[in-house]
PDB file of N, CA and C in Angstrom:
ATOM      1  N   UNK A   1      53.261  14.183   7.520  1.00  0.00           N
ATOM      2  CA  UNK A   1      54.190  15.183   6.141  1.00  0.00           C
ATOM      3  C   UNK A   1      54.813  14.466   4.904  1.00  0.00           C
ATOM      4  N   UNK A   2      54.897  13.160   5.179  1.00  0.00           N
ATOM      5  CA  UNK A   2      54.896  12.156   4.329  1.00  0.00           C
ATOM      6  C   UNK A   2      53.682  12.213   3.287  1.00  0.00           C
ATOM      7  N   UNK A   3      53.950  12.249   2.099  1.00  0.00           N
ATOM      8  CA  UNK A   3      53.099  12.646   0.988  1.00  0.00           C
ATOM      9  C   UNK A   3      52.638  13.822   0.854  1.00  0.00           C
ATOM     10  N   UNK A   4      52.868  14.727   1.477  1.00  0.00           N
ATOM     11  CA  UNK A   4      52.008  16.106   1.443  1.00  0.00           C
ATOM     12  C   UNK A   4      52.527  17.043   0.631  1.00  0.00           C
ATOM     13  N   UNK A   5      51.812  17.871   0.283  1.00  0.00           N
ATOM     14  CA  UNK A   5      52.647  18.970  -0.509  1.00  0.00           C
ATOM     15  C   UNK A   5      53.387  19.914   0.392  1.00  0.00           C
ATOM     16  N   UNK A   6      54.453  20.303  -0.120  1.00  0.00           N
ATOM     17  CA  UNK A   6      54.690  21.215   0.725  1.00  0.00           C
ATOM     18  C   UNK A   6      55.057  22.746   0.416  1.00  0.00           C
ATOM     19  N   UNK A   7      55.252  23.838   1.326  1.00  0.00           N
ATOM     20  CA  UNK A   7      55.490  25.378   0.433  1.00  0.00           C
ATOM     21  C   UNK A   7      57.019  25.209   0.020  1.00  0.00           C
ATOM     22  N   UNK A   8      56.746  26.456  -0.616  1.00  0.00           N
ATOM     23  CA  UNK A   8      57.825  26.724  -1.364  1.00  0.00           C
ATOM     24  C   UNK A   8      59.403  27.057  -0.439  1.00  0.00           C
ATOM     25  N   UNK A   9      58.668  27.669   0.686  1.00  0.00           N
ATOM     26  CA  UNK A   9      59.633  28.364   1.925  1.00  0.00           C
ATOM     27  C   UNK A   9      60.118  26.920   2.733  1.00  0.00           C
ATOM     28  N   UNK A  10      58.915  26.227   3.124  1.00  0.00           N
ATOM     29  CA  UNK A  10      59.149  25.171   3.991  1.00  0.00           C
ATOM     30  C   UNK A  10      60.376  24.223   3.387  1.00  0.00           C
ATOM     31  N   UNK A  11      60.283  23.743   1.679  1.00  0.00           N
ATOM     32  CA  UNK A  11      61.002  23.320   1.101  1.00  0.00           C
ATOM     33  C   UNK A  11      62.818  24.129   1.050  1.00  0.00           C
ATOM     34  N   UNK A  12      62.845  25.390   1.131  1.00  0.00           N
ATOM     35  CA  UNK A  12      63.899  26.134   1.205  1.00  0.00           C
ATOM     36  C   UNK A  12      64.357  25.765   2.259  1.00  0.00           C
ATOM     37  N   UNK A  13      63.785  25.735   3.606  1.00  0.00           N
ATOM     38  CA  UNK A  13      64.384  25.489   4.921  1.00  0.00           C
ATOM     39  C   UNK A  13      65.033  24.305   4.866  1.00  0.00           C
ATOM     40  N   UNK A  14      64.325  23.138   4.490  1.00  0.00           N
ATOM     41  CA  UNK A  14      64.352  22.066   4.068  1.00  0.00           C
ATOM     42  C   UNK A  14      65.916  21.753   3.740  1.00  0.00           C
ATOM     43  N   UNK A  15      65.885  22.321   2.377  1.00  0.00           N
ATOM     44  CA  UNK A  15      67.031  22.299   1.826  1.00  0.00           C
ATOM     45  C   UNK A  15      67.969  22.542   2.174  1.00  0.00           C
ATOM     46  N   UNK A  16      68.241  24.285   3.165  1.00  0.00           N
ATOM     47  CA  UNK A  16      69.470  24.652   3.772  1.00  0.00           C
ATOM     48  C   UNK A  16      70.326  23.813   5.042  1.00  0.00           C
ATOM     49  N   UNK A  17      69.003  23.005   5.397  1.00  0.00           N
ATOM     50  CA  UNK A  17      69.383  22.275   6.594  1.00  0.00           C
ATOM     51  C   UNK A  17      69.919  20.914   5.834  1.00  0.00           C
ATOM     52  N   UNK A  18      69.507  20.478   4.547  1.00  0.00           N
ATOM     53  CA  UNK A  18      70.122  19.213   4.451  1.00  0.00           C
ATOM     54  C   UNK A  18      71.778  19.579   3.805  1.00  0.00           C
ATOM     55  N   UNK A  19      71.394  21.041   3.271  1.00  0.00           N
ATOM     56  CA  UNK A  19      73.022  21.277   2.948  1.00  0.00           C
ATOM     57  C   UNK A  19      74.093  21.371   4.215  1.00  0.00           C
ATOM     58  N   UNK A  20      73.452  21.684   5.114  1.00  0.00           N
ATOM     59  CA  UNK A  20      74.392  21.746   6.779  1.00  0.00           C
ATOM     60  C   UNK A  20      74.732  20.602   7.385  1.00  0.00           C
ATOM     61  N   UNK A  21      73.393  19.537   7.299  1.00  0.00           N
ATOM     62  CA  UNK A  21      73.997  18.238   7.011  1.00  0.00           C
ATOM     63  C   UNK A  21      74.606  17.775   6.596  1.00  0.00           C
ATOM     64  N   UNK A  22      74.843  17.933   5.092  1.00  0.00           N
ATOM     65  CA  UNK A  22      75.880  17.382   4.504  1.00  0.00           C
ATOM     66  C   UNK A  22      76.937  17.733   4.700  1.00  0.00           C
ATOM     67  N   UNK A  23      77.452  19.089   5.255  1.00  0.00           N
ATOM     68  CA  UNK A  23      78.554  19.561   6.194  1.00  0.00           C
ATOM     69  C   UNK A  23      79.283  18.634   6.953  1.00  0.00           C
ATOM     70  N   UNK A  24      78.089  18.130   7.777  1.00  0.00           N
ATOM     71  CA  UNK A  24      78.604  17.245   8.867  1.00  0.00           C
ATOM     72  C   UNK A  24      78.457  16.127   8.308  1.00  0.00           C
ATOM     73  N   UNK A  25      77.878  15.514   7.512  1.00  0.00           N
ATOM     74  CA  UNK A  25      78.249  13.905   7.015  1.00  0.00           C
ATOM     75  C   UNK A  25      79.771  13.884   6.658  1.00  0.00           C
ATOM     76  N   UNK A  26      80.301  15.153   5.945  1.00  0.00           N
ATOM     77  CA  UNK A  26      81.876  15.416   5.493  1.00  0.00           C
ATOM     78  C   UNK A  26      82.960  15.066   6.178  1.00  0.00           C
ATOM     79  N   UNK A  27      82.328  15.962   7.527  1.00  0.00           N
ATOM     80  CA  UNK A  27      82.815  16.302   8.360  1.00  0.00           C
ATOM     81  C   UNK A  27      83.245  14.514   9.607  1.00  0.00           C
ATOM     82  N   UNK A  28      81.960  13.870   9.496  1.00  0.00           N
ATOM     83  CA  UNK A  28      81.908  12.498  10.703  1.00  0.00           C
ATOM     84  C   UNK A  28      82.952  11.640   9.235  1.00  0.00           C
ATOM     85  N   UNK A  29      82.296  11.469   8.178  1.00  0.00           N
ATOM     86  CA  UNK A  29      83.233  10.564   7.619  1.00  0.00           C
ATOM     87  C   UNK A  29      84.588  11.063   7.333  1.00  0.00           C
ATOM     88  N   UNK A  30      85.041  12.166   7.699  1.00  0.00           N
ATOM     89  CA  UNK A  30      86.720  12.234   8.170  1.00  0.00           C
ATOM     90  C   UNK A  30      87.065  11.490   9.606  1.00  0.00           C
ATOM     91  N   UNK A  31      86.030  11.898  10.344  1.00  0.00           N
ATOM     92  CA  UNK A  31      86.545  11.584  11.922  1.00  0.00           C
ATOM     93  C   UNK A  31      86.725  10.181  11.765  1.00  0.00           C
ATOM     94  N   UNK A  32      85.477   9.794  10.658  1.00  0.00           N
ATOM     95  CA  UNK A  32      85.672   8.333  10.710  1.00  0.00           C
ATOM     96  C   UNK A  32      86.649   7.326  10.581  1.00  0.00           C
ATOM     97  N   UNK A  33      87.850   7.912  10.156  1.00  0.00           N
ATOM     98  CA  UNK A  33      88.855   7.363   9.477  1.00  0.00           C
ATOM     99  C   UNK A  33      88.683   6.333   8.520  1.00  0.00           C
ATOM    100  N   UNK A  34      88.069   6.585   7.508  1.00  0.00           N
ATOM    101  CA  UNK A  34      87.769   5.402   6.910  1.00  0.00           C
ATOM    102  C   UNK A  34      86.510   4.082   7.059  1.00  0.00           C
ATOM    103  N   UNK A  35      85.537   4.402   7.962  1.00  0.00           N
ATOM    104  CA  UNK A  35      84.366   4.076   8.421  1.00  0.00           C
ATOM    105  C   UNK A  35      85.407   3.178   9.635  1.00  0.00           C
ATOM    106  N   UNK A  36      85.999   3.374  10.162  1.00  0.00           N
ATOM    107  CA  UNK A  36      87.359   2.113  11.351  1.00  0.00           C
ATOM    108  C   UNK A  36      86.431   2.342  12.493  1.00  0.00           C
ATOM    109  N   UNK A  37      86.174   3.738  12.802  1.00  0.00           N
ATOM    110  CA  UNK A  37      85.509   4.353  14.323  1.00  0.00           C
ATOM    111  C   UNK A  37      84.274   4.166  14.418  1.00  0.00           C
ATOM    112  N   UNK A  38      83.984   3.657  15.334  1.00  0.00           N
ATOM    113  CA  UNK A  38      82.237   3.205  14.989  1.00  0.00           C
ATOM    114  C   UNK A  38      81.353   4.053  15.433  1.00  0.00           C
ATOM    115  N   UNK A  39      81.780   5.078  16.096  1.00  0.00           N
ATOM    116  CA  UNK A  39      80.987   6.237  16.866  1.00  0.00           C
ATOM    117  C   UNK A  39      80.922   7.553  15.918  1.00  0.00           C
ATOM    118  N   UNK A  40      81.969   7.400  15.280  1.00  0.00           N
ATOM    119  CA  UNK A  40      81.929   8.425  13.966  1.00  0.00           C
ATOM    120  C   UNK A  40      81.163   7.911  12.162  1.00  0.00           C
ATOM    121  N   UNK A  41      81.274   6.270  12.532  1.00  0.00           N
ATOM    122  CA  UNK A  41      81.063   5.928  11.607  1.00  0.00           C
ATOM    123  C   UNK A  41      78.811   6.038  11.909  1.00  0.00           C
ATOM    124  N   UNK A  42      78.339   5.751  12.831  1.00  0.00           N
ATOM    125  CA  UNK A  42      77.442   5.927  12.867  1.00  0.00           C
ATOM    126  C   UNK A  42      76.567   7.078  12.548  1.00  0.00           C
ATOM    127  N   UNK A  43      77.278   8.343  13.282  1.00  0.00           N
ATOM    128  CA  UNK A  43      76.937   9.339  12.858  1.00  0.00           C
ATOM    129  C   UNK A  43      76.926  10.115  11.405  1.00  0.00           C
ATOM    130  N   UNK A  44      78.318   9.531  10.852  1.00  0.00           N
ATOM    131  CA  UNK A  44      78.239   9.674   9.298  1.00  0.00           C
ATOM    132  C   UNK A  44      76.702   8.812   8.580  1.00  0.00           C
ATOM    133  N   UNK A  45      76.282   7.952   8.899  1.00  0.00           N
ATOM    134  CA  UNK A  45      75.494   7.326   8.391  1.00  0.00           C
ATOM    135  C   UNK A  45      73.770   8.247   8.925  1.00  0.00           C
ATOM    136  N   UNK A  46      73.866   8.659   9.697  1.00  0.00           N
ATOM    137  CA  UNK A  46      72.636   8.875  10.200  1.00  0.00           C
ATOM    138  C   UNK A  46      72.445  10.232   9.518  1.00  0.00           C
ATOM    139  N   UNK A  47      73.713  11.157   9.579  1.00  0.00           N
ATOM    140  CA  UNK A  47      73.589  12.558   8.961  1.00  0.00           C
ATOM    141  C   UNK A  47      73.190  12.351   7.447  1.00  0.00           C
ATOM    142  N   UNK A  48      73.861  11.002   6.872  1.00  0.00           N
ATOM    143  CA  UNK A  48      73.610  10.993   5.026  1.00  0.00           C
ATOM    144  C   UNK A  48      72.395  10.616   4.800  1.00  0.00           C
ATOM    145  N   UNK A  49      71.577   9.508   6.040  1.00  0.00           N
ATOM    146  CA  UNK A  49      70.000   9.588   5.639  1.00  0.00           C
ATOM    147  C   UNK A  49      69.555  10.809   5.837  1.00  0.00           C
ATOM    148  N   UNK A  50      69.750  11.528   7.036  1.00  0.00           N
ATOM    149  CA  UNK A  50      69.069  13.101   7.057  1.00  0.00           C
ATOM    150  C   UNK A  50      69.071  13.718   5.865  1.00  0.00           C
ATOM    151  N   UNK A  51      70.121  14.245   5.270  1.00  0.00           N
ATOM    152  CA  UNK A  51      70.418  15.012   4.860  1.00  0.00           C
ATOM    153  C   UNK A  51      69.716  14.281   3.151  1.00  0.00           C
ATOM    154  N   UNK A  52      69.385  12.914   2.807  1.00  0.00           N
ATOM    155  CA  UNK A  52      69.057  12.438   1.548  1.00  0.00           C
ATOM    156  C   UNK A  52      67.656  12.873   2.043  1.00  0.00           C
ATOM    157  N   UNK A  53      67.093  12.522   3.203  1.00  0.00           N
ATOM    158  CA  UNK A  53      65.548  12.538   3.406  1.00  0.00           C
ATOM    159  C   UNK A  53      65.409  13.862   2.988  1.00  0.00           C
ATOM    160  N   UNK A  54      65.701  14.960   3.731  1.00  0.00           N
ATOM    161  CA  UNK A  54      65.592  16.521   3.336  1.00  0.00           C
ATOM    162  C   UNK A  54      65.835  16.991   1.963  1.00  0.00           C
ATOM    163  N   UNK A  55      66.512  16.685   1.454  1.00  0.00           N
ATOM    164  CA  UNK A  55      66.885  17.027  -0.238  1.00  0.00           C
ATOM    165  C   UNK A  55      65.797  16.269  -0.981  1.00  0.00           C
ATOM    166  N   UNK A  56      65.469  15.038  -0.695  1.00  0.00           N
ATOM    167  CA  UNK A  56      64.157  14.323  -1.596  1.00  0.00           C
ATOM    168  C   UNK A  56      62.498  15.417  -1.309  1.00  0.00           C
ATOM    169  N   UNK A  57      62.954  15.430   0.039  1.00  0.00           N
ATOM    170  CA  UNK A  57      61.459  16.036   0.217  1.00  0.00           C
ATOM    171  C   UNK A  57      61.485  18.050  -0.103  1.00  0.00           C
ATOM    172  N   UNK A  58      62.361  18.156  -0.123  1.00  0.00           N
ATOM    173  CA  UNK A  58      62.750  19.247  -0.542  1.00  0.00           C
ATOM    174  C   UNK A  58      62.538  19.624  -2.205  1.00  0.00           C
ATOM    175  N   UNK A  59      63.024  18.727  -2.894  1.00  0.00           N
ATOM    176  CA  UNK A  59      62.834  18.343  -4.391  1.00  0.00           C
ATOM    177  C   UNK A  59      61.503  18.704  -4.973  1.00  0.00           C
ATOM    178  N   UNK A  60      60.590  18.064  -3.735  1.00  0.00           N
ATOM    179  CA  UNK A  60      59.327  17.951  -4.287  1.00  0.00           C
ATOM    180  C   UNK A  60      58.466  19.482  -4.374  1.00  0.00           C
ATOM    181  N   UNK A  61      59.187  20.503  -4.258  1.00  0.00           N
ATOM    182  CA  UNK A  61      58.659  21.976  -4.205  1.00  0.00           C
ATOM    183  C   UNK A  61      59.608  22.698  -4.795  1.00  0.00           C
ATOM    184  N   UNK A  62      60.605  22.125  -4.834  1.00  0.00           N
ATOM    185  CA  UNK A  62      61.741  22.976  -5.948  1.00  0.00           C
ATOM    186  C   UNK A  62      62.016  22.475  -7.062  1.00  0.00           C
ATOM    187  N   UNK A  63      62.152  23.376  -7.851  1.00  0.00           N
ATOM    188  CA  UNK A  63      63.577  23.080  -9.389  1.00  0.00           C
ATOM    189  C   UNK A  63      64.725  22.278  -8.906  1.00  0.00           C
ATOM    190  N   UNK A  64      64.770  21.547  -9.711  1.00  0.00           N
ATOM    191  CA  UNK A  64      65.840  20.077  -9.237  1.00  0.00           C
ATOM    192  C   UNK A  64      67.430  20.958  -9.043  1.00  0.00           C
ATOM    193  N   UNK A  65      67.670  21.822 -10.507  1.00  0.00           N
ATOM    194  CA  UNK A  65      68.633  22.471 -10.876  1.00  0.00           C
ATOM    195  C   UNK A  65      69.208  23.176  -9.565  1.00  0.00           C
ATOM    196  N   UNK A  66      68.526  24.337  -9.452  1.00  0.00           N
ATOM    197  CA  UNK A  66      68.770  25.226  -8.732  1.00  0.00           C
ATOM    198  C   UNK A  66      68.366  24.505  -7.034  1.00  0.00           C
ATOM    199  N   UNK A  67      67.904  23.556  -6.753  1.00  0.00           N
ATOM    200  CA  UNK A  67      67.801  23.024  -5.575  1.00  0.00           C
ATOM    201  C   UNK A  67      69.246  22.511  -5.307  1.00  0.00           C
ATOM    202  N   UNK A  68      69.570  21.439  -6.414  1.00  0.00           N
ATOM    203  CA  UNK A  68      70.810  20.956  -6.490  1.00  0.00           C
ATOM    204  C   UNK A  68      72.511  21.301  -6.085  1.00  0.00           C
ATOM    205  N   UNK A  69      71.858  22.708  -7.025  1.00  0.00           N
ATOM    206  CA  UNK A  69      73.420  23.335  -7.392  1.00  0.00           C
ATOM    207  C   UNK A  69      73.245  24.409  -5.467  1.00  0.00           C
ATOM    208  N   UNK A  70      72.993  24.404  -4.941  1.00  0.00           N
ATOM    209  CA  UNK A  70      72.252  25.387  -3.432  1.00  0.00           C
ATOM    210  C   UNK A  70      72.558  24.340  -2.422  1.00  0.00           C
ATOM    211  N   UNK A  71      72.546  23.537  -2.195  1.00  0.00           N
ATOM    212  CA  UNK A  71      72.603  21.867  -1.472  1.00  0.00           C
ATOM    213  C   UNK A  71      74.166  21.953  -1.632  1.00  0.00           C
ATOM    214  N   UNK A  72      74.685  21.675  -2.985  1.00  0.00           N
ATOM    215  CA  UNK A  72      75.886  21.382  -2.905  1.00  0.00           C
ATOM    216  C   UNK A  72      76.648  22.336  -2.963  1.00  0.00           C
ATOM    217  N   UNK A  73      76.704  23.729  -2.813  1.00  0.00           N
ATOM    218  CA  UNK A  73      77.088  24.684  -2.756  1.00  0.00           C
ATOM    219  C   UNK A  73      77.432  24.985  -1.086  1.00  0.00           C
ATOM    220  N   UNK A  74      76.484  24.873  -0.450  1.00  0.00           N
ATOM    221  CA  UNK A  74      76.585  24.956   1.118  1.00  0.00           C
ATOM    222  C   UNK A  74      77.153  23.589   1.416  1.00  0.00           C
ATOM    223  N   UNK A  75      77.047  22.651   0.838  1.00  0.00           N
ATOM    224  CA  UNK A  75      78.027  21.372   1.501  1.00  0.00           C
ATOM    225  C   UNK A  75      79.332  21.888   0.943  1.00  0.00           C
ATOM    226  N   UNK A  76      79.782  22.435   0.023  1.00  0.00           N
ATOM    227  CA  UNK A  76      80.700  22.282   0.070  1.00  0.00           C
ATOM    228  C   UNK A  76      81.534  23.913   0.306  1.00  0.00           C
ATOM    229  N   UNK A  77      81.124  24.759   0.079  1.00  0.00           N
ATOM    230  CA  UNK A  77      81.634  26.101   1.188  1.00  0.00           C
ATOM    231  C   UNK A  77      81.962  25.881   2.476  1.00  0.00           C
ATOM    232  N   UNK A  78      80.987  25.223   2.658  1.00  0.00           N
ATOM    233  CA  UNK A  78      80.574  24.820   4.646  1.00  0.00           C
ATOM    234  C   UNK A  78      81.670  23.561   4.889  1.00  0.00           C
ATOM    235  N   UNK A  79      82.172  22.715   4.095  1.00  0.00           N
ATOM    236  CA  UNK A  79      83.053  21.760   4.212  1.00  0.00           C
ATOM    237  C   UNK A  79      84.515  22.257   4.279  1.00  0.00           C
ATOM    238  N   UNK A  80      85.233  23.516   3.203  1.00  0.00           N
ATOM    239  CA  UNK A  80      86.223  24.043   3.105  1.00  0.00           C
ATOM    240  C   UNK A  80      86.371  25.100   4.284  1.00  0.00           C
ATOM    241  N   UNK A  81      85.317  25.840   4.967  1.00  0.00           N
ATOM    242  CA  UNK A  81      85.437  25.953   5.838  1.00  0.00           C
ATOM    243  C   UNK A  81      85.724  25.411   7.526  1.00  0.00           C
ATOM    244  N   UNK A  82      84.960  24.539   7.286  1.00  0.00           N
ATOM    245  CA  UNK A  82      85.167  23.637   8.620  1.00  0.00           C
ATOM    246  C   UNK A  82      86.413  22.844   8.428  1.00  0.00           C
ATOM    247  N   UNK A  83      86.396  22.361   7.359  1.00  0.00           N
ATOM    248  CA  UNK A  83      88.101  21.713   7.601  1.00  0.00           C
ATOM    249  C   UNK A  83      89.419  22.482   7.854  1.00  0.00           C
ATOM    250  N   UNK A  84      89.007  23.557   7.222  1.00  0.00           N
ATOM    251  CA  UNK A  84      90.413  24.544   7.762  1.00  0.00           C
ATOM    252  C   UNK A  84      90.302  24.569   9.252  1.00  0.00           C
ATOM    253  N   UNK A  85      89.075  24.854   9.653  1.00  0.00           N
ATOM    254  CA  UNK A  85      89.179  25.099  11.372  1.00  0.00           C
ATOM    255  C   UNK A  85      89.321  24.423  12.026  1.00  0.00           C
ATOM    256  N   UNK A  86      88.566  23.256  11.957  1.00  0.00           N
ATOM    257  CA  UNK A  86      88.501  22.101  12.742  1.00  0.00           C
ATOM    258  C   UNK A  86      89.926  21.031  12.355  1.00  0.00           C
ATOM    259  N   UNK A  87      90.004  21.067  10.480  1.00  0.00           N
ATOM    260  CA  UNK A  87      91.332  19.941  10.875  1.00  0.00           C
ATOM    261  C   UNK A  87      93.080  20.681   9.843  1.00  0.00           C
ATOM    262  N   UNK A  88      92.806  22.000  10.393  1.00  0.00           N
ATOM    263  CA  UNK A  88      93.853  22.472   9.770  1.00  0.00           C
ATOM    264  C   UNK A  88      94.077  22.609   8.306  1.00  0.00           C
ATOM    265  N   UNK A  89      93.391  22.422   7.414  1.00  0.00           N
ATOM    266  CA  UNK A  89      93.253  22.295   6.181  1.00  0.00           C
ATOM    267  C   UNK A  89      93.444  23.792   5.677  1.00  0.00           C
ATOM    268  N   UNK A  90      94.351  23.714   4.549  1.00  0.00           N
ATOM    269  CA  UNK A  90      94.966  25.037   3.826  1.00  0.00           C
ATOM    270  C   UNK A  90      93.710  25.684   3.819  1.00  0.00           C
ATOM    271  N   UNK A  91      93.909  27.320   3.713  1.00  0.00           N
ATOM    272  CA  UNK A  91      93.023  28.144   4.156  1.00  0.00           C
ATOM    273  C   UNK A  91      93.663  29.226   3.191  1.00  0.00           C
ATOM    274  N   UNK A  92      93.467  29.456   1.841  1.00  0.00           N
ATOM    275  CA  UNK A  92      94.283  30.612   1.047  1.00  0.00           C
ATOM    276  C   UNK A  92      93.124  31.495   0.442  1.00  0.00           C
ATOM    277  N   UNK A  93      94.204  32.894   0.335  1.00  0.00           N
ATOM    278  CA  UNK A  93      93.304  33.653  -0.261  1.00  0.00           C
ATOM    279  C   UNK A  93      92.574  33.084  -2.122  1.00  0.00           C
ATOM    280  N   UNK A  94      93.280  32.391  -2.500  1.00  0.00           N
ATOM    281  CA  UNK A  94      92.743  31.884  -3.924  1.00  0.00           C
ATOM    282  C   UNK A  94      91.097  30.843  -3.070  1.00  0.00           C
ATOM    283  N   UNK A  95      91.337  29.982  -2.172  1.00  0.00           N
ATOM    284  CA  UNK A  95      90.650  28.822  -1.747  1.00  0.00           C
ATOM    285  C   UNK A  95      89.220  30.023  -1.117  1.00  0.00           C
ATOM    286  N   UNK A  96      89.468  30.841  -0.156  1.00  0.00           N
ATOM    287  CA  UNK A  96      88.339  31.887   0.026  1.00  0.00           C
ATOM    288  C   UNK A  96      87.595  32.168  -0.760  1.00  0.00           C
ATOM    289  N   UNK A  97      88.553  32.940  -2.148  1.00  0.00           N
ATOM    290  CA  UNK A  97      87.764  33.324  -3.353  1.00  0.00           C
ATOM    291  C   UNK A  97      86.830  32.573  -4.041  1.00  0.00           C
ATOM    292  N   UNK A  98      87.472  31.033  -4.358  1.00  0.00           N
ATOM    293  CA  UNK A  98      86.192  30.043  -4.496  1.00  0.00           C
ATOM    294  C   UNK A  98      84.975  29.759  -3.592  1.00  0.00           C
ATOM    295  N   UNK A  99      85.290  30.043  -2.455  1.00  0.00           N
ATOM    296  CA  UNK A  99      83.943  30.016  -1.535  1.00  0.00           C
ATOM    297  C   UNK A  99      83.486  30.701  -1.350  1.00  0.00           C
ATOM    298  N   UNK A 100      83.646  32.249  -1.729  1.00  0.00           N
ATOM    299  CA  UNK A 100      82.862  33.501  -1.967  1.00  0.00           C
ATOM    300  C   UNK A 100      82.237  33.527  -3.456  1.00  0.00           C
ATOM    301  N   UNK A 101      83.086  32.763  -4.446  1.00  0.00           N
ATOM    302  CA  UNK A 101      82.127  32.261  -5.867  1.00  0.00           C
ATOM    303  C   UNK A 101      80.702  30.986  -5.472  1.00  0.00           C
ATOM    304  N   UNK A 102      80.956  30.597  -4.918  1.00  0.00           N
ATOM    305  CA  UNK A 102      80.000  29.508  -4.476  1.00  0.00           C
ATOM    306  C   UNK A 102      78.844  30.067  -3.882  1.00  0.00           C
ATOM    307  N   UNK A 103      79.250  31.149  -3.075  1.00  0.00           N
ATOM    308  CA  UNK A 103      78.543  31.543  -2.153  1.00  0.00           C
ATOM    309  C   UNK A 103      77.556  32.377  -2.857  1.00  0.00           C
ATOM    310  N   UNK A 104      78.216  33.385  -3.653  1.00  0.00           N
ATOM    311  CA  UNK A 104      77.581  34.179  -4.846  1.00  0.00           C
ATOM    312  C   UNK A 104      76.539  33.265  -5.905  1.00  0.00           C
ATOM    313  N   UNK A 105      77.277  31.867  -6.453  1.00  0.00           N
ATOM    314  CA  UNK A 105      76.195  31.713  -7.055  1.00  0.00           C
ATOM    315  C   UNK A 105      74.771  31.099  -6.349  1.00  0.00           C
ATOM    316  N   UNK A 106      75.166  30.672  -4.730  1.00  0.00           N
ATOM    317  CA  UNK A 106      73.865  30.146  -4.163  1.00  0.00           C
ATOM    318  C   UNK A 106      72.938  31.094  -3.738  1.00  0.00           C
ATOM    319  N   UNK A 107      73.421  32.322  -3.597  1.00  0.00           N
ATOM    320  CA  UNK A 107      72.467  33.584  -3.944  1.00  0.00           C
ATOM    321  C   UNK A 107      71.703  33.451  -4.745  1.00  0.00           C
ATOM    322  N   UNK A 108      72.247  33.382  -5.981  1.00  0.00           N
ATOM    323  CA  UNK A 108      71.575  34.193  -7.088  1.00  0.00           C
ATOM    324  C   UNK A 108      70.750  32.888  -7.894  1.00  0.00           C
ATOM    325  N   UNK A 109      70.823  31.851  -7.490  1.00  0.00           N
ATOM    326  CA  UNK A 109      70.236  30.377  -7.749  1.00  0.00           C
ATOM    327  C   UNK A 109      69.063  30.357  -6.849  1.00  0.00           C
ATOM    328  N   UNK A 110      69.105  31.269  -5.674  1.00  0.00           N
ATOM    329  CA  UNK A 110      68.119  31.022  -4.765  1.00  0.00           C
ATOM    330  C   UNK A 110      66.682  32.570  -5.071  1.00  0.00           C
ATOM    331  N   UNK A 111      67.850  33.701  -5.096  1.00  0.00           N
ATOM    332  CA  UNK A 111      67.000  35.157  -5.638  1.00  0.00           C
ATOM    333  C   UNK A 111      66.326  34.681  -7.514  1.00  0.00           C
ATOM    334  N   UNK A 112      67.288  33.941  -8.160  1.00  0.00           N
ATOM    335  CA  UNK A 112      66.125  33.835  -9.609  1.00  0.00           C
ATOM    336  C   UNK A 112      64.935  33.209  -9.217  1.00  0.00           C
ATOM    337  N   UNK A 113      63.679  33.398 -10.609  1.00  0.00           N
ATOM    338  CA  UNK A 113      62.793  33.031 -10.644  1.00  0.00           C
ATOM    339  C   UNK A 113      62.758  31.809 -11.015  1.00  0.00           C
ATOM    340  N   UNK A 114      61.893  30.289 -10.639  1.00  0.00           N
ATOM    341  CA  UNK A 114      61.286  29.300 -11.308  1.00  0.00           C
ATOM    342  C   UNK A 114      61.937  28.286 -10.411  1.00  0.00           C
TER     343      UNK A 114
END
């Protein structure tokens, strides 16, 4: 797979996976407590390497602007939602509205040609 062209459908799958792993990276970075917890630190570094690799591969077949926006949207929305569930971070109607706007933007970018 390295060095080979990938199909757009595979690239989108890799991009979505990169976004989800980005969420895991953010959560493990928090759990590492400033990189003072060895196991969470290791998990954070592994997640970082994984999402950067997947994002890089996806960018070989996708437009950079759309792909980057979708990746960051998945990461931002997922981290806000899981941060509220796992860490008790506030989740207000305004924050939920922001997440809804992010998701709507991701859907529009994914659906747009080019």
